[in-house]
């Protein structure tokens, strides 16, 4: 089970709140769709001396980098009251973990009507 220590999660939530405060002037009132992608940098052990991916290196980040439900929970808690009034408004939640060159998290929040109307 992934249990973040209180200091890192507090800093993470503060960063989400700061970014969301710039994006939302008031909370969305209706149903909401949330898409979260957490990007992690591969450890050096996944690469050869020439920087090539080692045979057998995992395709996706593993359990030691957090469960997707826990990654989402921290973000959702931070966004409550800023992006939406109550997290029960979230009717569609998509969470993914991927490898990248820079560790980060992207969070897209859309009113359900807007997201549902997008061509996919």
PDB file of N, CA and C in Angstrom:
ATOM      1  N   UNK A   1       0.843  -1.172   0.000  1.00  0.00           N
ATOM      2  CA  UNK A   1       0.000   0.000   0.000  1.00  0.00           C
ATOM      3  C   UNK A   1       0.893   1.241   0.000  1.00  0.00           C
ATOM      4  N   UNK A   2       0.524   2.244  -0.772  1.00  0.00           N
ATOM      5  CA  UNK A   2       1.272   3.491  -0.845  1.00  0.00           C
ATOM      6  C   UNK A   2       0.743   4.450   0.201  1.00  0.00           C
ATOM      7  N   UNK A   3       1.584   4.848   1.128  1.00  0.00           N
ATOM      8  CA  UNK A   3       1.199   5.806   2.155  1.00  0.00           C
ATOM      9  C   UNK A   3       2.181   6.967   2.132  1.00  0.00           C
ATOM     10  N   UNK A   4       1.824   8.073   1.491  1.00  0.00           N
ATOM     11  CA  UNK A   4       2.757   9.199   1.444  1.00  0.00           C
ATOM     12  C   UNK A   4       2.941   9.807   2.826  1.00  0.00           C
ATOM     13  N   UNK A   5       4.144  10.284   3.093  1.00  0.00           N
ATOM     14  CA  UNK A   5       4.345  10.985   4.360  1.00  0.00           C
ATOM     15  C   UNK A   5       3.598  12.311   4.283  1.00  0.00           C
ATOM     16  N   UNK A   6       3.298  12.877   5.405  1.00  0.00           N
ATOM     17  CA  UNK A   6       2.448  14.070   5.417  1.00  0.00           C
ATOM     18  C   UNK A   6       3.107  15.282   4.761  1.00  0.00           C
ATOM     19  N   UNK A   7       4.414  15.459   4.893  1.00  0.00           N
ATOM     20  CA  UNK A   7       5.067  16.642   4.322  1.00  0.00           C
ATOM     21  C   UNK A   7       5.002  16.667   2.795  1.00  0.00           C
ATOM     22  N   UNK A   8       5.364  15.585   2.090  1.00  0.00           N
ATOM     23  CA  UNK A   8       5.272  15.628   0.625  1.00  0.00           C
ATOM     24  C   UNK A   8       3.838  15.821   0.119  1.00  0.00           C
ATOM     25  N   UNK A   9       2.861  15.185   0.752  1.00  0.00           N
ATOM     26  CA  UNK A   9       1.486  15.335   0.270  1.00  0.00           C
ATOM     27  C   UNK A   9       0.986  16.752   0.531  1.00  0.00           C
ATOM     28  N   UNK A  10       1.408  17.344   1.626  1.00  0.00           N
ATOM     29  CA  UNK A  10       1.012  18.723   1.935  1.00  0.00           C
ATOM     30  C   UNK A  10       1.580  19.675   0.880  1.00  0.00           C
ATOM     31  N   UNK A  11       2.833  19.484   0.494  1.00  0.00           N
ATOM     32  CA  UNK A  11       3.465  20.326  -0.531  1.00  0.00           C
ATOM     33  C   UNK A  11       2.803  20.094  -1.887  1.00  0.00           C
ATOM     34  N   UNK A  12       2.492  18.833  -2.199  1.00  0.00           N
ATOM     35  CA  UNK A  12       1.817  18.510  -3.456  1.00  0.00           C
ATOM     36  C   UNK A  12       0.456  19.198  -3.524  1.00  0.00           C
ATOM     37  N   UNK A  13      -0.333  19.070  -2.464  1.00  0.00           N
ATOM     38  CA  UNK A  13      -1.660  19.696  -2.452  1.00  0.00           C
ATOM     39  C   UNK A  13      -1.550  21.209  -2.565  1.00  0.00           C
ATOM     40  N   UNK A  14      -0.565  21.806  -1.914  1.00  0.00           N
ATOM     41  CA  UNK A  14      -0.380  23.256  -2.001  1.00  0.00           C
ATOM     42  C   UNK A  14      -0.066  23.672  -3.438  1.00  0.00           C
ATOM     43  N   UNK A  15       0.739  22.891  -4.139  1.00  0.00           N
ATOM     44  CA  UNK A  15       1.061  23.197  -5.538  1.00  0.00           C
ATOM     45  C   UNK A  15      -0.181  23.069  -6.423  1.00  0.00           C
ATOM     46  N   UNK A  16      -0.994  22.038  -6.193  1.00  0.00           N
ATOM     47  CA  UNK A  16      -2.229  21.861  -6.969  1.00  0.00           C
ATOM     48  C   UNK A  16      -3.187  23.022  -6.694  1.00  0.00           C
ATOM     49  N   UNK A  17      -3.339  23.400  -5.443  1.00  0.00           N
ATOM     50  CA  UNK A  17      -4.231  24.506  -5.077  1.00  0.00           C
ATOM     51  C   UNK A  17      -3.772  25.801  -5.739  1.00  0.00           C
ATOM     52  N   UNK A  18      -2.470  26.070  -5.725  1.00  0.00           N
ATOM     53  CA  UNK A  18      -1.938  27.294  -6.339  1.00  0.00           C
ATOM     54  C   UNK A  18      -2.214  27.316  -7.839  1.00  0.00           C
ATOM     55  N   UNK A  19      -1.971  26.191  -8.519  1.00  0.00           N
ATOM     56  CA  UNK A  19      -2.203  26.128  -9.968  1.00  0.00           C
ATOM     57  C   UNK A  19      -3.690  26.225 -10.279  1.00  0.00           C
ATOM     58  N   UNK A  20      -4.517  25.536  -9.511  1.00  0.00           N
ATOM     59  CA  UNK A  20      -5.964  25.550  -9.763  1.00  0.00           C
ATOM     60  C   UNK A  20      -6.558  26.930  -9.504  1.00  0.00           C
ATOM     61  N   UNK A  21      -6.016  27.629  -8.519  1.00  0.00           N
ATOM     62  CA  UNK A  21      -6.506  28.977  -8.213  1.00  0.00           C
ATOM     63  C   UNK A  21      -6.327  29.935  -9.373  1.00  0.00           C
ATOM     64  N   UNK A  22      -5.328  29.687 -10.212  1.00  0.00           N
ATOM     65  CA  UNK A  22      -5.104  30.520 -11.398  1.00  0.00           C
ATOM     66  C   UNK A  22      -6.057  30.147 -12.526  1.00  0.00           C
ATOM     67  N   UNK A  23      -6.538  28.916 -12.509  1.00  0.00           N
ATOM     68  CA  UNK A  23      -7.377  28.399 -13.604  1.00  0.00           C
ATOM     69  C   UNK A  23      -8.873  28.597 -13.352  1.00  0.00           C
ATOM     70  N   UNK A  24      -9.301  28.471 -12.107  1.00  0.00           N
ATOM     71  CA  UNK A  24     -10.727  28.510 -11.789  1.00  0.00           C
ATOM     72  C   UNK A  24     -11.075  29.757 -10.989  1.00  0.00           C
ATOM     73  N   UNK A  25     -12.007  30.554 -11.517  1.00  0.00           N
ATOM     74  CA  UNK A  25     -12.474  31.722 -10.773  1.00  0.00           C
ATOM     75  C   UNK A  25     -13.568  31.320  -9.791  1.00  0.00           C
ATOM     76  N   UNK A  26     -14.273  30.226 -10.116  1.00  0.00           N
ATOM     77  CA  UNK A  26     -15.285  29.666  -9.210  1.00  0.00           C
ATOM     78  C   UNK A  26     -15.437  28.187  -9.543  1.00  0.00           C
ATOM     79  N   UNK A  27     -15.919  27.415  -8.591  1.00  0.00           N
ATOM     80  CA  UNK A  27     -16.064  25.975  -8.827  1.00  0.00           C
ATOM     81  C   UNK A  27     -17.111  25.659  -9.900  1.00  0.00           C
ATOM     82  N   UNK A  28     -16.889  24.574 -10.627  1.00  0.00           N
ATOM     83  CA  UNK A  28     -17.875  24.062 -11.575  1.00  0.00           C
ATOM     84  C   UNK A  28     -19.043  23.537 -10.742  1.00  0.00           C
ATOM     85  N   UNK A  29     -20.265  23.781 -11.191  1.00  0.00           N
ATOM     86  CA  UNK A  29     -21.430  23.395 -10.395  1.00  0.00           C
ATOM     87  C   UNK A  29     -22.052  22.065 -10.807  1.00  0.00           C
ATOM     88  N   UNK A  30     -21.814  21.597 -12.013  1.00  0.00           N
ATOM     89  CA  UNK A  30     -22.434  20.365 -12.489  1.00  0.00           C
ATOM     90  C   UNK A  30     -21.472  19.195 -12.477  1.00  0.00           C
ATOM     91  N   UNK A  31     -21.803  18.137 -13.238  1.00  0.00           N
ATOM     92  CA  UNK A  31     -20.928  16.977 -13.309  1.00  0.00           C
ATOM     93  C   UNK A  31     -19.589  17.319 -13.961  1.00  0.00           C
ATOM     94  N   UNK A  32     -18.527  16.633 -13.510  1.00  0.00           N
ATOM     95  CA  UNK A  32     -17.157  16.952 -13.903  1.00  0.00           C
ATOM     96  C   UNK A  32     -16.429  15.697 -14.382  1.00  0.00           C
ATOM     97  N   UNK A  33     -15.551  15.895 -15.372  1.00  0.00           N
ATOM     98  CA  UNK A  33     -14.644  14.849 -15.847  1.00  0.00           C
ATOM     99  C   UNK A  33     -13.224  15.265 -15.453  1.00  0.00           C
ATOM    100  N   UNK A  34     -12.455  14.336 -14.893  1.00  0.00           N
ATOM    101  CA  UNK A  34     -11.081  14.615 -14.471  1.00  0.00           C
ATOM    102  C   UNK A  34     -10.155  13.592 -15.128  1.00  0.00           C
ATOM    103  N   UNK A  35      -9.097  14.105 -15.758  1.00  0.00           N
ATOM    104  CA  UNK A  35      -8.075  13.261 -16.368  1.00  0.00           C
ATOM    105  C   UNK A  35      -6.734  13.612 -15.741  1.00  0.00           C
ATOM    106  N   UNK A  36      -6.094  12.630 -15.121  1.00  0.00           N
ATOM    107  CA  UNK A  36      -4.831  12.836 -14.416  1.00  0.00           C
ATOM    108  C   UNK A  36      -3.776  11.914 -15.022  1.00  0.00           C
ATOM    109  N   UNK A  37      -2.616  12.487 -15.325  1.00  0.00           N
ATOM    110  CA  UNK A  37      -1.483  11.670 -15.749  1.00  0.00           C
ATOM    111  C   UNK A  37      -0.288  12.044 -14.875  1.00  0.00           C
ATOM    112  N   UNK A  38       0.270  11.043 -14.223  1.00  0.00           N
ATOM    113  CA  UNK A  38       1.467  11.224 -13.405  1.00  0.00           C
ATOM    114  C   UNK A  38       2.652  10.709 -14.216  1.00  0.00           C
ATOM    115  N   UNK A  39       3.645  11.560 -14.393  1.00  0.00           N
ATOM    116  CA  UNK A  39       4.837  11.220 -15.172  1.00  0.00           C
ATOM    117  C   UNK A  39       6.006  11.021 -14.217  1.00  0.00           C
ATOM    118  N   UNK A  40       6.739   9.937 -14.412  1.00  0.00           N
ATOM    119  CA  UNK A  40       7.877   9.604 -13.570  1.00  0.00           C
ATOM    120  C   UNK A  40       9.116   9.408 -14.433  1.00  0.00           C
ATOM    121  N   UNK A  41      10.270   9.796 -13.898  1.00  0.00           N
ATOM    122  CA  UNK A  41      11.544   9.602 -14.582  1.00  0.00           C
ATOM    123  C   UNK A  41      12.017   8.179 -14.295  1.00  0.00           C
ATOM    124  N   UNK A  42      12.439   7.490 -15.346  1.00  0.00           N
ATOM    125  CA  UNK A  42      12.951   6.123 -15.174  1.00  0.00           C
ATOM    126  C   UNK A  42      14.217   6.143 -14.322  1.00  0.00           C
ATOM    127  N   UNK A  43      14.374   5.152 -13.471  1.00  0.00           N
ATOM    128  CA  UNK A  43      15.638   5.060 -12.725  1.00  0.00           C
ATOM    129  C   UNK A  43      16.777   4.660 -13.658  1.00  0.00           C
ATOM    130  N   UNK A  44      17.979   5.015 -13.301  1.00  0.00           N
ATOM    131  CA  UNK A  44      19.155   4.704 -14.119  1.00  0.00           C
ATOM    132  C   UNK A  44      19.286   3.200 -14.360  1.00  0.00           C
ATOM    133  N   UNK A  45      18.808   2.386 -13.443  1.00  0.00           N
ATOM    134  CA  UNK A  45      18.914   0.929 -13.586  1.00  0.00           C
ATOM    135  C   UNK A  45      18.117   0.399 -14.784  1.00  0.00           C
ATOM    136  N   UNK A  46      17.206   1.198 -15.330  1.00  0.00           N
ATOM    137  CA  UNK A  46      16.438   0.782 -16.510  1.00  0.00           C
ATOM    138  C   UNK A  46      17.206   1.011 -17.807  1.00  0.00           C
ATOM    139  N   UNK A  47      18.333   1.714 -17.717  1.00  0.00           N
ATOM    140  CA  UNK A  47      19.065   2.106 -18.916  1.00  0.00           C
ATOM    141  C   UNK A  47      20.457   1.474 -18.956  1.00  0.00           C
ATOM    142  N   UNK A  48      20.943   1.259 -20.173  1.00  0.00           N
ATOM    143  CA  UNK A  48      22.311   0.764 -20.355  1.00  0.00           C
ATOM    144  C   UNK A  48      23.270   1.943 -20.211  1.00  0.00           C
ATOM    145  N   UNK A  49      24.555   1.659 -20.246  1.00  0.00           N
ATOM    146  CA  UNK A  49      25.567   2.709 -20.185  1.00  0.00           C
ATOM    147  C   UNK A  49      25.466   3.698 -21.334  1.00  0.00           C
ATOM    148  N   UNK A  50      24.891   3.247 -22.453  1.00  0.00           N
ATOM    149  CA  UNK A  50      24.714   4.136 -23.616  1.00  0.00           C
ATOM    150  C   UNK A  50      23.364   4.853 -23.597  1.00  0.00           C
ATOM    151  N   UNK A  51      22.604   4.681 -22.515  1.00  0.00           N
ATOM    152  CA  UNK A  51      21.324   5.362 -22.398  1.00  0.00           C
ATOM    153  C   UNK A  51      20.161   4.664 -23.092  1.00  0.00           C
ATOM    154  N   UNK A  52      20.377   3.431 -23.527  1.00  0.00           N
ATOM    155  CA  UNK A  52      19.304   2.669 -24.179  1.00  0.00           C
ATOM    156  C   UNK A  52      18.518   1.903 -23.124  1.00  0.00           C
ATOM    157  N   UNK A  53      17.262   1.651 -23.417  1.00  0.00           N
ATOM    158  CA  UNK A  53      16.411   0.924 -22.490  1.00  0.00           C
ATOM    159  C   UNK A  53      16.868  -0.526 -22.364  1.00  0.00           C
ATOM    160  N   UNK A  54      17.048  -0.989 -21.135  1.00  0.00           N
ATOM    161  CA  UNK A  54      17.459  -2.376 -20.896  1.00  0.00           C
ATOM    162  C   UNK A  54      16.322  -3.338 -21.229  1.00  0.00           C
ATOM    163  N   UNK A  55      16.691  -4.499 -21.711  1.00  0.00           N
ATOM    164  CA  UNK A  55      15.707  -5.556 -21.949  1.00  0.00           C
ATOM    165  C   UNK A  55      15.089  -5.914 -20.584  1.00  0.00           C
ATOM    166  N   UNK A  56      13.769  -6.007 -20.549  1.00  0.00           N
ATOM    167  CA  UNK A  56      13.083  -6.348 -19.308  1.00  0.00           C
ATOM    168  C   UNK A  56      12.718  -5.152 -18.441  1.00  0.00           C
ATOM    169  N   UNK A  57      13.132  -3.949 -18.853  1.00  0.00           N
ATOM    170  CA  UNK A  57      12.729  -2.758 -18.089  1.00  0.00           C
ATOM    171  C   UNK A  57      11.208  -2.631 -18.166  1.00  0.00           C
ATOM    172  N   UNK A  58      10.562  -2.252 -17.080  1.00  0.00           N
ATOM    173  CA  UNK A  58       9.103  -2.190 -17.086  1.00  0.00           C
ATOM    174  C   UNK A  58       8.554  -1.161 -18.078  1.00  0.00           C
ATOM    175  N   UNK A  59       7.437  -1.519 -18.679  1.00  0.00           N
ATOM    176  CA  UNK A  59       6.772  -0.632 -19.633  1.00  0.00           C
ATOM    177  C   UNK A  59       6.129   0.561 -18.930  1.00  0.00           C
ATOM    178  N   UNK A  60       5.596   0.314 -17.743  1.00  0.00           N
ATOM    179  CA  UNK A  60       4.919   1.362 -16.983  1.00  0.00           C
ATOM    180  C   UNK A  60       5.528   1.464 -15.594  1.00  0.00           C
ATOM    181  N   UNK A  61       5.405   2.649 -14.955  1.00  0.00           N
ATOM    182  CA  UNK A  61       5.885   2.793 -13.581  1.00  0.00           C
ATOM    183  C   UNK A  61       5.191   1.778 -12.666  1.00  0.00           C
ATOM    184  N   UNK A  62       5.929   1.245 -11.722  1.00  0.00           N
ATOM    185  CA  UNK A  62       5.403   0.188 -10.862  1.00  0.00           C
ATOM    186  C   UNK A  62       4.793   0.677  -9.569  1.00  0.00           C
ATOM    187  N   UNK A  63       4.551  -0.289  -8.709  1.00  0.00           N
ATOM    188  CA  UNK A  63       3.866  -0.033  -7.438  1.00  0.00           C
ATOM    189  C   UNK A  63       4.642   0.903  -6.522  1.00  0.00           C
ATOM    190  N   UNK A  64       5.955   0.879  -6.604  1.00  0.00           N
ATOM    191  CA  UNK A  64       6.751   1.723  -5.699  1.00  0.00           C
ATOM    192  C   UNK A  64       6.588   3.216  -5.996  1.00  0.00           C
ATOM    193  N   UNK A  65       5.908   3.551  -7.083  1.00  0.00           N
ATOM    194  CA  UNK A  65       5.675   4.963  -7.420  1.00  0.00           C
ATOM    195  C   UNK A  65       4.239   5.389  -7.140  1.00  0.00           C
ATOM    196  N   UNK A  66       3.521   4.621  -6.373  1.00  0.00           N
ATOM    197  CA  UNK A  66       2.177   5.000  -5.968  1.00  0.00           C
ATOM    198  C   UNK A  66       1.098   4.312  -6.773  1.00  0.00           C
ATOM    199  N   UNK A  67       0.001   4.024  -6.103  1.00  0.00           N
ATOM    200  CA  UNK A  67      -1.176   3.468  -6.756  1.00  0.00           C
ATOM    201  C   UNK A  67      -1.938   4.612  -7.408  1.00  0.00           C
ATOM    202  N   UNK A  68      -2.557   4.351  -8.551  1.00  0.00           N
ATOM    203  CA  UNK A  68      -3.264   5.433  -9.244  1.00  0.00           C
ATOM    204  C   UNK A  68      -4.389   6.012  -8.385  1.00  0.00           C
ATOM    205  N   UNK A  69      -5.052   5.186  -7.578  1.00  0.00           N
ATOM    206  CA  UNK A  69      -6.135   5.727  -6.760  1.00  0.00           C
ATOM    207  C   UNK A  69      -5.609   6.699  -5.703  1.00  0.00           C
ATOM    208  N   UNK A  70      -4.427   6.412  -5.152  1.00  0.00           N
ATOM    209  CA  UNK A  70      -3.850   7.334  -4.172  1.00  0.00           C
ATOM    210  C   UNK A  70      -3.313   8.601  -4.843  1.00  0.00           C
ATOM    211  N   UNK A  71      -2.754   8.462  -6.031  1.00  0.00           N
ATOM    212  CA  UNK A  71      -2.304   9.644  -6.772  1.00  0.00           C
ATOM    213  C   UNK A  71      -3.495  10.561  -7.048  1.00  0.00           C
ATOM    214  N   UNK A  72      -4.615   9.960  -7.449  1.00  0.00           N
ATOM    215  CA  UNK A  72      -5.816  10.749  -7.742  1.00  0.00           C
ATOM    216  C   UNK A  72      -6.388  11.381  -6.480  1.00  0.00           C
ATOM    217  N   UNK A  73      -6.365  10.648  -5.371  1.00  0.00           N
ATOM    218  CA  UNK A  73      -6.973  11.163  -4.135  1.00  0.00           C
ATOM    219  C   UNK A  73      -6.345  12.476  -3.686  1.00  0.00           C
ATOM    220  N   UNK A  74      -5.025  12.565  -3.724  1.00  0.00           N
ATOM    221  CA  UNK A  74      -4.371  13.805  -3.317  1.00  0.00           C
ATOM    222  C   UNK A  74      -4.783  14.976  -4.194  1.00  0.00           C
ATOM    223  N   UNK A  75      -4.827  14.743  -5.496  1.00  0.00           N
ATOM    224  CA  UNK A  75      -5.225  15.801  -6.432  1.00  0.00           C
ATOM    225  C   UNK A  75      -6.690  16.179  -6.231  1.00  0.00           C
ATOM    226  N   UNK A  76      -7.544  15.183  -6.087  1.00  0.00           N
ATOM    227  CA  UNK A  76      -8.979  15.442  -5.925  1.00  0.00           C
ATOM    228  C   UNK A  76      -9.255  16.201  -4.629  1.00  0.00           C
ATOM    229  N   UNK A  77      -8.579  15.819  -3.550  1.00  0.00           N
ATOM    230  CA  UNK A  77      -8.757  16.532  -2.277  1.00  0.00           C
ATOM    231  C   UNK A  77      -8.360  18.000  -2.420  1.00  0.00           C
ATOM    232  N   UNK A  78      -7.261  18.239  -3.123  1.00  0.00           N
ATOM    233  CA  UNK A  78      -6.779  19.619  -3.289  1.00  0.00           C
ATOM    234  C   UNK A  78      -7.729  20.449  -4.157  1.00  0.00           C
ATOM    235  N   UNK A  79      -8.394  19.830  -5.110  1.00  0.00           N
ATOM    236  CA  UNK A  79      -9.263  20.559  -6.041  1.00  0.00           C
ATOM    237  C   UNK A  79     -10.668  20.815  -5.511  1.00  0.00           C
ATOM    238  N   UNK A  80     -11.056  20.093  -4.467  1.00  0.00           N
ATOM    239  CA  UNK A  80     -12.392  20.284  -3.894  1.00  0.00           C
ATOM    240  C   UNK A  80     -12.499  21.687  -3.312  1.00  0.00           C
ATOM    241  N   UNK A  81     -13.552  22.386  -3.726  1.00  0.00           N
ATOM    242  CA  UNK A  81     -13.773  23.764  -3.299  1.00  0.00           C
ATOM    243  C   UNK A  81     -13.159  24.783  -4.242  1.00  0.00           C
ATOM    244  N   UNK A  82     -12.325  24.317  -5.180  1.00  0.00           N
ATOM    245  CA  UNK A  82     -11.696  25.211  -6.163  1.00  0.00           C
ATOM    246  C   UNK A  82     -12.203  24.896  -7.564  1.00  0.00           C
ATOM    247  N   UNK A  83     -12.074  23.635  -7.978  1.00  0.00           N
ATOM    248  CA  UNK A  83     -12.514  23.223  -9.313  1.00  0.00           C
ATOM    249  C   UNK A  83     -13.964  22.754  -9.293  1.00  0.00           C
ATOM    250  N   UNK A  84     -14.397  22.217  -8.182  1.00  0.00           N
ATOM    251  CA  UNK A  84     -15.772  21.769  -7.981  1.00  0.00           C
ATOM    252  C   UNK A  84     -16.098  21.938  -6.507  1.00  0.00           C
ATOM    253  N   UNK A  85     -17.394  21.903  -6.191  1.00  0.00           N
ATOM    254  CA  UNK A  85     -17.804  22.077  -4.794  1.00  0.00           C
ATOM    255  C   UNK A  85     -17.608  20.807  -3.978  1.00  0.00           C
ATOM    256  N   UNK A  86     -17.892  19.673  -4.572  1.00  0.00           N
ATOM    257  CA  UNK A  86     -17.816  18.397  -3.862  1.00  0.00           C
ATOM    258  C   UNK A  86     -17.323  17.332  -4.829  1.00  0.00           C
ATOM    259  N   UNK A  87     -16.435  16.447  -4.378  1.00  0.00           N
ATOM    260  CA  UNK A  87     -15.886  15.463  -5.312  1.00  0.00           C
ATOM    261  C   UNK A  87     -16.911  14.438  -5.791  1.00  0.00           C
ATOM    262  N   UNK A  88     -18.105  14.453  -5.223  1.00  0.00           N
ATOM    263  CA  UNK A  88     -19.173  13.592  -5.755  1.00  0.00           C
ATOM    264  C   UNK A  88     -19.620  14.066  -7.142  1.00  0.00           C
ATOM    265  N   UNK A  89     -19.232  15.279  -7.526  1.00  0.00           N
ATOM    266  CA  UNK A  89     -19.544  15.803  -8.866  1.00  0.00           C
ATOM    267  C   UNK A  89     -18.710  15.127  -9.955  1.00  0.00           C
ATOM    268  N   UNK A  90     -17.601  14.491  -9.571  1.00  0.00           N
ATOM    269  CA  UNK A  90     -16.735  13.819 -10.550  1.00  0.00           C
ATOM    270  C   UNK A  90     -17.433  12.538 -10.992  1.00  0.00           C
ATOM    271  N   UNK A  91     -17.849  12.528 -12.262  1.00  0.00           N
ATOM    272  CA  UNK A  91     -18.579  11.376 -12.803  1.00  0.00           C
ATOM    273  C   UNK A  91     -17.704  10.514 -13.711  1.00  0.00           C
ATOM    274  N   UNK A  92     -16.549  11.026 -14.079  1.00  0.00           N
ATOM    275  CA  UNK A  92     -15.620  10.277 -14.930  1.00  0.00           C
ATOM    276  C   UNK A  92     -14.212  10.658 -14.488  1.00  0.00           C
ATOM    277  N   UNK A  93     -13.432   9.665 -14.060  1.00  0.00           N
ATOM    278  CA  UNK A  93     -12.078   9.892 -13.574  1.00  0.00           C
ATOM    279  C   UNK A  93     -11.148   8.937 -14.291  1.00  0.00           C
ATOM    280  N   UNK A  94     -10.139   9.501 -14.951  1.00  0.00           N
ATOM    281  CA  UNK A  94      -9.138   8.692 -15.649  1.00  0.00           C
ATOM    282  C   UNK A  94      -7.772   9.037 -15.083  1.00  0.00           C
ATOM    283  N   UNK A  95      -7.044   8.004 -14.681  1.00  0.00           N
ATOM    284  CA  UNK A  95      -5.736   8.206 -14.066  1.00  0.00           C
ATOM    285  C   UNK A  95      -4.737   7.269 -14.738  1.00  0.00           C
ATOM    286  N   UNK A  96      -3.579   7.807 -15.097  1.00  0.00           N
ATOM    287  CA  UNK A  96      -2.544   7.003 -15.747  1.00  0.00           C
ATOM    288  C   UNK A  96      -1.180   7.361 -15.166  1.00  0.00           C
ATOM    289  N   UNK A  97      -0.260   6.387 -15.225  1.00  0.00           N
ATOM    290  CA  UNK A  97       1.146   6.608 -14.876  1.00  0.00           C
ATOM    291  C   UNK A  97       1.963   6.315 -16.124  1.00  0.00           C
ATOM    292  N   UNK A  98       2.933   7.188 -16.396  1.00  0.00           N
ATOM    293  CA  UNK A  98       3.782   7.012 -17.575  1.00  0.00           C
ATOM    294  C   UNK A  98       5.215   7.412 -17.240  1.00  0.00           C
ATOM    295  N   UNK A  99       6.144   6.911 -18.044  1.00  0.00           N
ATOM    296  CA  UNK A  99       7.538   7.348 -17.959  1.00  0.00           C
ATOM    297  C   UNK A  99       7.700   8.637 -18.752  1.00  0.00           C
ATOM    298  N   UNK A 100       8.605   9.495 -18.305  1.00  0.00           N
ATOM    299  CA  UNK A 100       8.880  10.755 -18.998  1.00  0.00           C
ATOM    300  C   UNK A 100      10.284  11.223 -18.620  1.00  0.00           C
ATOM    301  N   UNK A 101      10.727  12.283 -19.252  1.00  0.00           N
ATOM    302  CA  UNK A 101      12.035  12.863 -18.944  1.00  0.00           C
ATOM    303  C   UNK A 101      11.992  13.797 -17.746  1.00  0.00           C
ATOM    304  N   UNK A 102      10.792  14.296 -17.429  1.00  0.00           N
ATOM    305  CA  UNK A 102      10.615  15.223 -16.314  1.00  0.00           C
ATOM    306  C   UNK A 102       9.446  14.732 -15.462  1.00  0.00           C
ATOM    307  N   UNK A 103       9.661  14.625 -14.158  1.00  0.00           N
ATOM    308  CA  UNK A 103       8.586  14.204 -13.263  1.00  0.00           C
ATOM    309  C   UNK A 103       7.578  15.337 -13.115  1.00  0.00           C
ATOM    310  N   UNK A 104       6.296  15.007 -13.280  1.00  0.00           N
ATOM    311  CA  UNK A 104       5.238  16.005 -13.175  1.00  0.00           C
ATOM    312  C   UNK A 104       3.893  15.296 -13.149  1.00  0.00           C
ATOM    313  N   UNK A 105       2.846  16.071 -12.957  1.00  0.00           N
ATOM    314  CA  UNK A 105       1.491  15.550 -13.045  1.00  0.00           C
ATOM    315  C   UNK A 105       0.656  16.553 -13.821  1.00  0.00           C
ATOM    316  N   UNK A 106      -0.140  16.054 -14.754  1.00  0.00           N
ATOM    317  CA  UNK A 106      -1.077  16.925 -15.447  1.00  0.00           C
ATOM    318  C   UNK A 106      -2.477  16.545 -14.981  1.00  0.00           C
ATOM    319  N   UNK A 107      -3.285  17.568 -14.784  1.00  0.00           N
ATOM    320  CA  UNK A 107      -4.661  17.364 -14.334  1.00  0.00           C
ATOM    321  C   UNK A 107      -5.556  18.207 -15.228  1.00  0.00           C
ATOM    322  N   UNK A 108      -6.457  17.553 -15.947  1.00  0.00           N
ATOM    323  CA  UNK A 108      -7.434  18.254 -16.782  1.00  0.00           C
ATOM    324  C   UNK A 108      -8.800  18.093 -16.137  1.00  0.00           C
ATOM    325  N   UNK A 109      -9.479  19.206 -15.943  1.00  0.00           N
ATOM    326  CA  UNK A 109     -10.813  19.206 -15.345  1.00  0.00           C
ATOM    327  C   UNK A 109     -11.756  19.886 -16.323  1.00  0.00           C
ATOM    328  N   UNK A 110     -12.846  19.213 -16.655  1.00  0.00           N
ATOM    329  CA  UNK A 110     -13.810  19.769 -17.607  1.00  0.00           C
ATOM    330  C   UNK A 110     -15.229  19.516 -17.125  1.00  0.00           C
ATOM    331  N   UNK A 111     -16.123  20.464 -17.381  1.00  0.00           N
ATOM    332  CA  UNK A 111     -17.530  20.143 -17.163  1.00  0.00           C
ATOM    333  C   UNK A 111     -17.891  18.958 -18.063  1.00  0.00           C
ATOM    334  N   UNK A 112     -18.704  18.049 -17.571  1.00  0.00           N
ATOM    335  CA  UNK A 112     -19.046  16.850 -18.331  1.00  0.00           C
ATOM    336  C   UNK A 112     -19.605  17.205 -19.702  1.00  0.00           C
ATOM    337  N   UNK A 113     -20.448  18.212 -19.777  1.00  0.00           N
ATOM    338  CA  UNK A 113     -21.057  18.584 -21.056  1.00  0.00           C
ATOM    339  C   UNK A 113     -19.996  18.994 -22.073  1.00  0.00           C
ATOM    340  N   UNK A 114     -19.001  19.729 -21.625  1.00  0.00           N
ATOM    341  CA  UNK A 114     -17.921  20.177 -22.510  1.00  0.00           C
ATOM    342  C   UNK A 114     -17.076  18.993 -22.967  1.00  0.00           C
ATOM    343  N   UNK A 115     -16.705  18.125 -22.049  1.00  0.00           N
ATOM    344  CA  UNK A 115     -15.873  16.972 -22.373  1.00  0.00           C
ATOM    345  C   UNK A 115     -16.631  16.011 -23.271  1.00  0.00           C
ATOM    346  N   UNK A 116     -17.879  15.777 -22.959  1.00  0.00           N
ATOM    347  CA  UNK A 116     -18.704  14.837 -23.729  1.00  0.00           C
ATOM    348  C   UNK A 116     -18.899  15.333 -25.172  1.00  0.00           C
ATOM    349  N   UNK A 117     -18.886  16.646 -25.360  1.00  0.00           N
ATOM    350  CA  UNK A 117     -19.081  17.226 -26.681  1.00  0.00           C
ATOM    351  C   UNK A 117     -17.832  17.225 -27.542  1.00  0.00           C
ATOM    352  N   UNK A 118     -16.650  16.993 -26.913  1.00  0.00           N
ATOM    353  CA  UNK A 118     -15.395  16.980 -27.677  1.00  0.00           C
ATOM    354  C   UNK A 118     -15.393  15.798 -28.634  1.00  0.00           C
ATOM    355  N   UNK A 119     -14.805  15.999 -29.793  1.00  0.00           N
ATOM    356  CA  UNK A 119     -14.642  14.848 -30.699  1.00  0.00           C
ATOM    357  C   UNK A 119     -13.435  14.058 -30.224  1.00  0.00           C
ATOM    358  N   UNK A 120     -13.621  12.782 -30.044  1.00  0.00           N
ATOM    359  CA  UNK A 120     -12.541  11.910 -29.555  1.00  0.00           C
ATOM    360  C   UNK A 120     -12.181  10.916 -30.602  1.00  0.00           C
TER     361      UNK A 120
END
